[in-house]
Amino acid sequence: MILEGAKLMVIGMAIVYVFLLVLMLSVMLSAKLFKDSGTGVPLDAGASKKSRRNVLPVIATAVAAYRAKRASDDRS
């Protein structure tokens, strides 16, 4: 009885490892197939810094509005 359970455990673990190996190989293959060839539009390094500067005031305004709404809800 225990021997059958051990055999079932080994078969199950082998199936899991084979599945993970196939999954890993398929991810590696798809990464090679869909690799960026570098022919796209080059990214502007300055654009990310500009967008960060533009986002910070928006986030600050949203946080202030949330806190104001939360404070008015707590008073009620």
PDB file of N, CA and C in Angstrom:
ATOM      1  N   MET A   1       0.824  -1.194   0.000  1.00  0.00           N
ATOM      2  CA  MET A   1       0.000   0.000   0.000  1.00  0.00           C
ATOM      3  C   MET A   1       0.867   1.255   0.000  1.00  0.00           C
ATOM      4  N   ILE A   2       1.882   1.301   0.863  1.00  0.00           N
ATOM      5  CA  ILE A   2       2.763   2.465   0.918  1.00  0.00           C
ATOM      6  C   ILE A   2       3.604   2.538  -0.345  1.00  0.00           C
ATOM      7  N   LEU A   3       3.992   1.388  -0.892  1.00  0.00           N
ATOM      8  CA  LEU A   3       4.768   1.372  -2.125  1.00  0.00           C
ATOM      9  C   LEU A   3       3.967   1.965  -3.288  1.00  0.00           C
ATOM     10  N   GLU A   4       2.679   1.670  -3.331  1.00  0.00           N
ATOM     11  CA  GLU A   4       1.823   2.230  -4.385  1.00  0.00           C
ATOM     12  C   GLU A   4       1.686   3.746  -4.225  1.00  0.00           C
ATOM     13  N   GLY A   5       1.581   4.195  -2.983  1.00  0.00           N
ATOM     14  CA  GLY A   5       1.505   5.637  -2.727  1.00  0.00           C
ATOM     15  C   GLY A   5       2.786   6.345  -3.122  1.00  0.00           C
ATOM     16  N   ALA A   6       3.923   5.741  -2.811  1.00  0.00           N
ATOM     17  CA  ALA A   6       5.207   6.332  -3.190  1.00  0.00           C
ATOM     18  C   ALA A   6       5.353   6.369  -4.699  1.00  0.00           C
ATOM     19  N   LYS A   7       4.909   5.311  -5.372  1.00  0.00           N
ATOM     20  CA  LYS A   7       4.979   5.269  -6.827  1.00  0.00           C
ATOM     21  C   LYS A   7       4.100   6.374  -7.429  1.00  0.00           C
ATOM     22  N   LEU A   8       2.917   6.541  -6.881  1.00  0.00           N
ATOM     23  CA  LEU A   8       2.008   7.589  -7.351  1.00  0.00           C
ATOM     24  C   LEU A   8       2.613   8.973  -7.117  1.00  0.00           C
ATOM     25  N   MET A   9       3.272   9.149  -5.981  1.00  0.00           N
ATOM     26  CA  MET A   9       3.911  10.424  -5.678  1.00  0.00           C
ATOM     27  C   MET A   9       5.029  10.716  -6.669  1.00  0.00           C
ATOM     28  N   VAL A  10       5.847   9.740  -6.985  1.00  0.00           N
ATOM     29  CA  VAL A  10       6.955   9.932  -7.916  1.00  0.00           C
ATOM     30  C   VAL A  10       6.422  10.249  -9.310  1.00  0.00           C
ATOM     31  N   ILE A  11       5.388   9.546  -9.733  1.00  0.00           N
ATOM     32  CA  ILE A  11       4.801   9.812 -11.045  1.00  0.00           C
ATOM     33  C   ILE A  11       4.209  11.216 -11.088  1.00  0.00           C
ATOM     34  N   GLY A  12       3.529  11.601 -10.045  1.00  0.00           N
ATOM     35  CA  GLY A  12       2.941  12.942  -9.995  1.00  0.00           C
ATOM     36  C   GLY A  12       3.988  14.032 -10.023  1.00  0.00           C
ATOM     37  N   MET A  13       5.056  13.865  -9.253  1.00  0.00           N
ATOM     38  CA  MET A  13       6.126  14.861  -9.247  1.00  0.00           C
ATOM     39  C   MET A  13       6.819  14.921 -10.601  1.00  0.00           C
ATOM     40  N   ALA A  14       6.995  13.772 -11.249  1.00  0.00           N
ATOM     41  CA  ALA A  14       7.621  13.754 -12.569  1.00  0.00           C
ATOM     42  C   ALA A  14       6.759  14.503 -13.576  1.00  0.00           C
ATOM     43  N   ILE A  15       5.456  14.324 -13.499  1.00  0.00           N
ATOM     44  CA  ILE A  15       4.556  15.035 -14.406  1.00  0.00           C
ATOM     45  C   ILE A  15       4.641  16.537 -14.168  1.00  0.00           C
ATOM     46  N   VAL A  16       4.695  16.939 -12.918  1.00  0.00           N
ATOM     47  CA  VAL A  16       4.795  18.368 -12.596  1.00  0.00           C
ATOM     48  C   VAL A  16       6.103  18.941 -13.132  1.00  0.00           C
ATOM     49  N   TYR A  17       7.211  18.245 -12.917  1.00  0.00           N
ATOM     50  CA  TYR A  17       8.496  18.738 -13.399  1.00  0.00           C
ATOM     51  C   TYR A  17       8.543  18.795 -14.919  1.00  0.00           C
ATOM     52  N   VAL A  18       7.978  17.821 -15.594  1.00  0.00           N
ATOM     53  CA  VAL A  18       7.939  17.847 -17.060  1.00  0.00           C
ATOM     54  C   VAL A  18       7.090  19.027 -17.536  1.00  0.00           C
ATOM     55  N   PHE A  19       5.956  19.255 -16.897  1.00  0.00           N
ATOM     56  CA  PHE A  19       5.118  20.393 -17.265  1.00  0.00           C
ATOM     57  C   PHE A  19       5.870  21.703 -17.064  1.00  0.00           C
ATOM     58  N   LEU A  20       6.563  21.848 -15.939  1.00  0.00           N
ATOM     59  CA  LEU A  20       7.309  23.076 -15.691  1.00  0.00           C
ATOM     60  C   LEU A  20       8.448  23.247 -16.692  1.00  0.00           C
ATOM     61  N   LEU A  21       9.091  22.169 -17.074  1.00  0.00           N
ATOM     62  CA  LEU A  21      10.155  22.231 -18.068  1.00  0.00           C
ATOM     63  C   LEU A  21       9.599  22.676 -19.419  1.00  0.00           C
ATOM     64  N   VAL A  22       8.470  22.123 -19.829  1.00  0.00           N
ATOM     65  CA  VAL A  22       7.840  22.524 -21.087  1.00  0.00           C
ATOM     66  C   VAL A  22       7.422  23.985 -21.018  1.00  0.00           C
ATOM     67  N   LEU A  23       6.880  24.409 -19.907  1.00  0.00           N
ATOM     68  CA  LEU A  23       6.475  25.801 -19.741  1.00  0.00           C
ATOM     69  C   LEU A  23       7.681  26.730 -19.836  1.00  0.00           C
ATOM     70  N   MET A  24       8.766  26.374 -19.173  1.00  0.00           N
ATOM     71  CA  MET A  24       9.969  27.192 -19.194  1.00  0.00           C
ATOM     72  C   MET A  24      10.557  27.271 -20.607  1.00  0.00           C
ATOM     73  N   LEU A  25      10.594  26.153 -21.301  1.00  0.00           N
ATOM     74  CA  LEU A  25      11.113  26.159 -22.663  1.00  0.00           C
ATOM     75  C   LEU A  25      10.228  26.976 -23.594  1.00  0.00           C
ATOM     76  N   SER A  26       8.928  26.907 -23.419  1.00  0.00           N
ATOM     77  CA  SER A  26       8.037  27.693 -24.280  1.00  0.00           C
ATOM     78  C   SER A  26       8.177  29.189 -24.017  1.00  0.00           C
ATOM     79  N   VAL A  27       8.400  29.566 -22.769  1.00  0.00           N
ATOM     80  CA  VAL A  27       8.598  30.984 -22.460  1.00  0.00           C
ATOM     81  C   VAL A  27       9.915  31.472 -23.062  1.00  0.00           C
ATOM     82  N   MET A  28      10.960  30.663 -22.945  1.00  0.00           N
ATOM     83  CA  MET A  28      12.249  31.044 -23.525  1.00  0.00           C
ATOM     84  C   MET A  28      12.170  31.129 -25.049  1.00  0.00           C
ATOM     85  N   LEU A  29      11.460  30.201 -25.661  1.00  0.00           N
ATOM     86  CA  LEU A  29      11.300  30.218 -27.110  1.00  0.00           C
ATOM     87  C   LEU A  29      10.503  31.436 -27.564  1.00  0.00           C
ATOM     88  N   SER A  30       9.431  31.736 -26.863  1.00  0.00           N
ATOM     89  CA  SER A  30       8.633  32.908 -27.241  1.00  0.00           C
ATOM     90  C   SER A  30       9.417  34.203 -27.021  1.00  0.00           C
ATOM     91  N   ALA A  31      10.284  34.233 -26.013  1.00  0.00           N
ATOM     92  CA  ALA A  31      11.115  35.415 -25.795  1.00  0.00           C
ATOM     93  C   ALA A  31      12.077  35.612 -26.955  1.00  0.00           C
ATOM     94  N   LYS A  32      12.610  34.517 -27.484  1.00  0.00           N
ATOM     95  CA  LYS A  32      13.510  34.636 -28.631  1.00  0.00           C
ATOM     96  C   LYS A  32      12.752  35.006 -29.893  1.00  0.00           C
ATOM     97  N   LEU A  33      11.560  34.468 -30.060  1.00  0.00           N
ATOM     98  CA  LEU A  33      10.787  34.752 -31.268  1.00  0.00           C
ATOM     99  C   LEU A  33      10.286  36.181 -31.310  1.00  0.00           C
ATOM    100  N   PHE A  34       9.863  36.705 -30.170  1.00  0.00           N
ATOM    101  CA  PHE A  34       9.270  38.030 -30.121  1.00  0.00           C
ATOM    102  C   PHE A  34      10.235  39.088 -29.604  1.00  0.00           C
ATOM    103  N   LYS A  35      11.523  38.802 -29.685  1.00  0.00           N
ATOM    104  CA  LYS A  35      12.525  39.746 -29.207  1.00  0.00           C
ATOM    105  C   LYS A  35      12.461  41.018 -30.035  1.00  0.00           C
ATOM    106  N   ASP A  36      12.573  42.156 -29.349  1.00  0.00           N
ATOM    107  CA  ASP A  36      12.518  43.447 -30.035  1.00  0.00           C
ATOM    108  C   ASP A  36      13.750  43.566 -30.924  1.00  0.00           C
ATOM    109  N   SER A  37      13.526  43.818 -32.187  1.00  0.00           N
ATOM    110  CA  SER A  37      14.636  43.895 -33.133  1.00  0.00           C
ATOM    111  C   SER A  37      15.318  45.255 -33.116  1.00  0.00           C
ATOM    112  N   GLY A  38      14.775  46.212 -32.400  1.00  0.00           N
ATOM    113  CA  GLY A  38      15.396  47.530 -32.315  1.00  0.00           C
ATOM    114  C   GLY A  38      15.033  48.433 -33.475  1.00  0.00           C
ATOM    115  N   THR A  39      14.089  48.045 -34.313  1.00  0.00           N
ATOM    116  CA  THR A  39      13.715  48.871 -35.456  1.00  0.00           C
ATOM    117  C   THR A  39      12.582  49.827 -35.129  1.00  0.00           C
ATOM    118  N   GLY A  40      12.105  49.798 -33.912  1.00  0.00           N
ATOM    119  CA  GLY A  40      11.004  50.672 -33.520  1.00  0.00           C
ATOM    120  C   GLY A  40      11.476  52.091 -33.294  1.00  0.00           C
ATOM    121  N   VAL A  41      10.570  52.911 -32.857  1.00  0.00           N
ATOM    122  CA  VAL A  41      10.877  54.305 -32.575  1.00  0.00           C
ATOM    123  C   VAL A  41      11.734  54.364 -31.314  1.00  0.00           C
ATOM    124  N   PRO A  42      12.869  55.072 -31.361  1.00  0.00           N
ATOM    125  CA  PRO A  42      13.700  55.158 -30.165  1.00  0.00           C
ATOM    126  C   PRO A  42      13.008  55.949 -29.069  1.00  0.00           C
ATOM    127  N   LEU A  43      13.201  55.508 -27.853  1.00  0.00           N
ATOM    128  CA  LEU A  43      12.582  56.189 -26.714  1.00  0.00           C
ATOM    129  C   LEU A  43      13.398  57.414 -26.351  1.00  0.00           C
ATOM    130  N   ASP A  44      12.711  58.486 -26.019  1.00  0.00           N
ATOM    131  CA  ASP A  44      13.368  59.708 -25.597  1.00  0.00           C
ATOM    132  C   ASP A  44      13.579  59.637 -24.088  1.00  0.00           C
ATOM    133  N   ALA A  45      14.828  59.706 -23.660  1.00  0.00           N
ATOM    134  CA  ALA A  45      15.128  59.590 -22.232  1.00  0.00           C
ATOM    135  C   ALA A  45      14.568  60.770 -21.452  1.00  0.00           C
ATOM    136  N   GLY A  46      14.497  61.934 -22.066  1.00  0.00           N
ATOM    137  CA  GLY A  46      13.985  63.118 -21.382  1.00  0.00           C
ATOM    138  C   GLY A  46      12.486  63.087 -21.193  1.00  0.00           C
ATOM    139  N   ALA A  47      11.799  62.308 -22.006  1.00  0.00           N
ATOM    140  CA  ALA A  47      10.334  62.279 -21.913  1.00  0.00           C
ATOM    141  C   ALA A  47       9.877  61.690 -20.592  1.00  0.00           C
ATOM    142  N   SER A  48      10.585  60.695 -20.097  1.00  0.00           N
ATOM    143  CA  SER A  48      10.157  60.087 -18.845  1.00  0.00           C
ATOM    144  C   SER A  48      10.336  61.060 -17.678  1.00  0.00           C
ATOM    145  N   LYS A  49      11.386  61.850 -17.712  1.00  0.00           N
ATOM    146  CA  LYS A  49      11.591  62.820 -16.643  1.00  0.00           C
ATOM    147  C   LYS A  49      10.512  63.904 -16.686  1.00  0.00           C
ATOM    148  N   LYS A  50      10.135  64.324 -17.900  1.00  0.00           N
ATOM    149  CA  LYS A  50       9.086  65.330 -18.032  1.00  0.00           C
ATOM    150  C   LYS A  50       7.761  64.784 -17.529  1.00  0.00           C
ATOM    151  N   SER A  51       7.459  63.553 -17.888  1.00  0.00           N
ATOM    152  CA  SER A  51       6.180  62.988 -17.468  1.00  0.00           C
ATOM    153  C   SER A  51       6.143  62.814 -15.957  1.00  0.00           C
ATOM    154  N   ARG A  52       7.271  62.492 -15.352  1.00  0.00           N
ATOM    155  CA  ARG A  52       7.304  62.378 -13.889  1.00  0.00           C
ATOM    156  C   ARG A  52       7.028  63.722 -13.238  1.00  0.00           C
ATOM    157  N   ARG A  53       7.616  64.770 -13.807  1.00  0.00           N
ATOM    158  CA  ARG A  53       7.376  66.100 -13.240  1.00  0.00           C
ATOM    159  C   ARG A  53       5.919  66.502 -13.400  1.00  0.00           C
ATOM    160  N   ASN A  54       5.290  66.084 -14.465  1.00  0.00           N
ATOM    161  CA  ASN A  54       3.887  66.425 -14.685  1.00  0.00           C
ATOM    162  C   ASN A  54       2.954  65.581 -13.830  1.00  0.00           C
ATOM    163  N   VAL A  55       3.370  64.397 -13.459  1.00  0.00           N
ATOM    164  CA  VAL A  55       2.511  63.489 -12.709  1.00  0.00           C
ATOM    165  C   VAL A  55       2.477  63.860 -11.224  1.00  0.00           C
ATOM    166  N   LEU A  56       3.577  64.335 -10.696  1.00  0.00           N
ATOM    167  CA  LEU A  56       3.640  64.629  -9.258  1.00  0.00           C
ATOM    168  C   LEU A  56       2.584  65.627  -8.795  1.00  0.00           C
ATOM    169  N   PRO A  57       2.352  66.737  -9.486  1.00  0.00           N
ATOM    170  CA  PRO A  57       1.279  67.638  -9.032  1.00  0.00           C
ATOM    171  C   PRO A  57      -0.106  66.999  -9.115  1.00  0.00           C
ATOM    172  N   VAL A  58      -0.308  66.155 -10.101  1.00  0.00           N
ATOM    173  CA  VAL A  58      -1.595  65.476 -10.238  1.00  0.00           C
ATOM    174  C   VAL A  58      -1.819  64.535  -9.065  1.00  0.00           C
ATOM    175  N   ILE A  59      -0.784  63.789  -8.689  1.00  0.00           N
ATOM    176  CA  ILE A  59      -0.897  62.873  -7.553  1.00  0.00           C
ATOM    177  C   ILE A  59      -1.143  63.658  -6.271  1.00  0.00           C
ATOM    178  N   ALA A  60      -0.412  64.764  -6.097  1.00  0.00           N
ATOM    179  CA  ALA A  60      -0.586  65.575  -4.889  1.00  0.00           C
ATOM    180  C   ALA A  60      -2.008  66.125  -4.802  1.00  0.00           C
ATOM    181  N   THR A  61      -2.555  66.559  -5.925  1.00  0.00           N
ATOM    182  CA  THR A  61      -3.930  67.070  -5.943  1.00  0.00           C
ATOM    183  C   THR A  61      -4.926  65.972  -5.618  1.00  0.00           C
ATOM    184  N   ALA A  62      -4.702  64.775  -6.168  1.00  0.00           N
ATOM    185  CA  ALA A  62      -5.607  63.659  -5.902  1.00  0.00           C
ATOM    186  C   ALA A  62      -5.565  63.253  -4.433  1.00  0.00           C
ATOM    187  N   VAL A  63      -4.383  63.240  -3.846  1.00  0.00           N
ATOM    188  CA  VAL A  63      -4.259  62.889  -2.426  1.00  0.00           C
ATOM    189  C   VAL A  63      -4.946  63.934  -1.560  1.00  0.00           C
ATOM    190  N   ALA A  64      -4.758  65.217  -1.901  1.00  0.00           N
ATOM    191  CA  ALA A  64      -5.402  66.285  -1.128  1.00  0.00           C
ATOM    192  C   ALA A  64      -6.917  66.181  -1.231  1.00  0.00           C
ATOM    193  N   ALA A  65      -7.428  65.888  -2.427  1.00  0.00           N
ATOM    194  CA  ALA A  65      -8.875  65.749  -2.596  1.00  0.00           C
ATOM    195  C   ALA A  65      -9.401  64.552  -1.816  1.00  0.00           C
ATOM    196  N   TYR A  66      -8.653  63.453  -1.834  1.00  0.00           N
ATOM    197  CA  TYR A  66      -9.066  62.260  -1.080  1.00  0.00           C
ATOM    198  C   TYR A  66      -9.100  62.551   0.417  1.00  0.00           C
ATOM    199  N   ARG A  67      -8.058  63.225   0.905  1.00  0.00           N
ATOM    200  CA  ARG A  67      -8.005  63.532   2.337  1.00  0.00           C
ATOM    201  C   ARG A  67      -9.130  64.485   2.736  1.00  0.00           C
ATOM    202  N   ALA A  68      -9.427  65.469   1.868  1.00  0.00           N
ATOM    203  CA  ALA A  68     -10.506  66.407   2.171  1.00  0.00           C
ATOM    204  C   ALA A  68     -11.847  65.682   2.199  1.00  0.00           C
ATOM    205  N   LYS A  69     -12.062  64.787   1.250  1.00  0.00           N
ATOM    206  CA  LYS A  69     -13.313  64.032   1.220  1.00  0.00           C
ATOM    207  C   LYS A  69     -13.399  63.118   2.434  1.00  0.00           C
ATOM    208  N   ARG A  70     -12.296  62.493   2.770  1.00  0.00           N
ATOM    209  CA  ARG A  70     -12.263  61.581   3.910  1.00  0.00           C
ATOM    210  C   ARG A  70     -12.536  62.339   5.215  1.00  0.00           C
ATOM    211  N   ALA A  71     -11.988  63.549   5.336  1.00  0.00           N
ATOM    212  CA  ALA A  71     -12.204  64.355   6.536  1.00  0.00           C
ATOM    213  C   ALA A  71     -13.662  64.790   6.641  1.00  0.00           C
ATOM    214  N   SER A  72     -14.266  65.132   5.503  1.00  0.00           N
ATOM    215  CA  SER A  72     -15.657  65.553   5.559  1.00  0.00           C
ATOM    216  C   SER A  72     -16.573  64.350   5.847  1.00  0.00           C
ATOM    217  N   ASP A  73     -16.205  63.158   5.387  1.00  0.00           N
ATOM    218  CA  ASP A  73     -16.978  61.955   5.682  1.00  0.00           C
ATOM    219  C   ASP A  73     -16.874  61.572   7.159  1.00  0.00           C
ATOM    220  N   ASP A  74     -15.699  61.785   7.746  1.00  0.00           N
ATOM    221  CA  ASP A  74     -15.506  61.443   9.158  1.00  0.00           C
ATOM    222  C   ASP A  74     -16.294  62.381  10.066  1.00  0.00           C
ATOM    223  N   ARG A  75     -16.486  63.615   9.656  1.00  0.00           N
ATOM    224  CA  ARG A  75     -17.238  64.575  10.475  1.00  0.00           C
ATOM    225  C   ARG A  75     -18.729  64.266  10.485  1.00  0.00           C
ATOM    226  N   SER A  76     -19.192  63.640   9.426  1.00  0.00           N
ATOM    227  CA  SER A  76     -20.631  63.364   9.318  1.00  0.00           C
ATOM    228  C   SER A  76     -21.082  62.253  10.217  1.00  0.00           C
TER     229      SER A  76
END
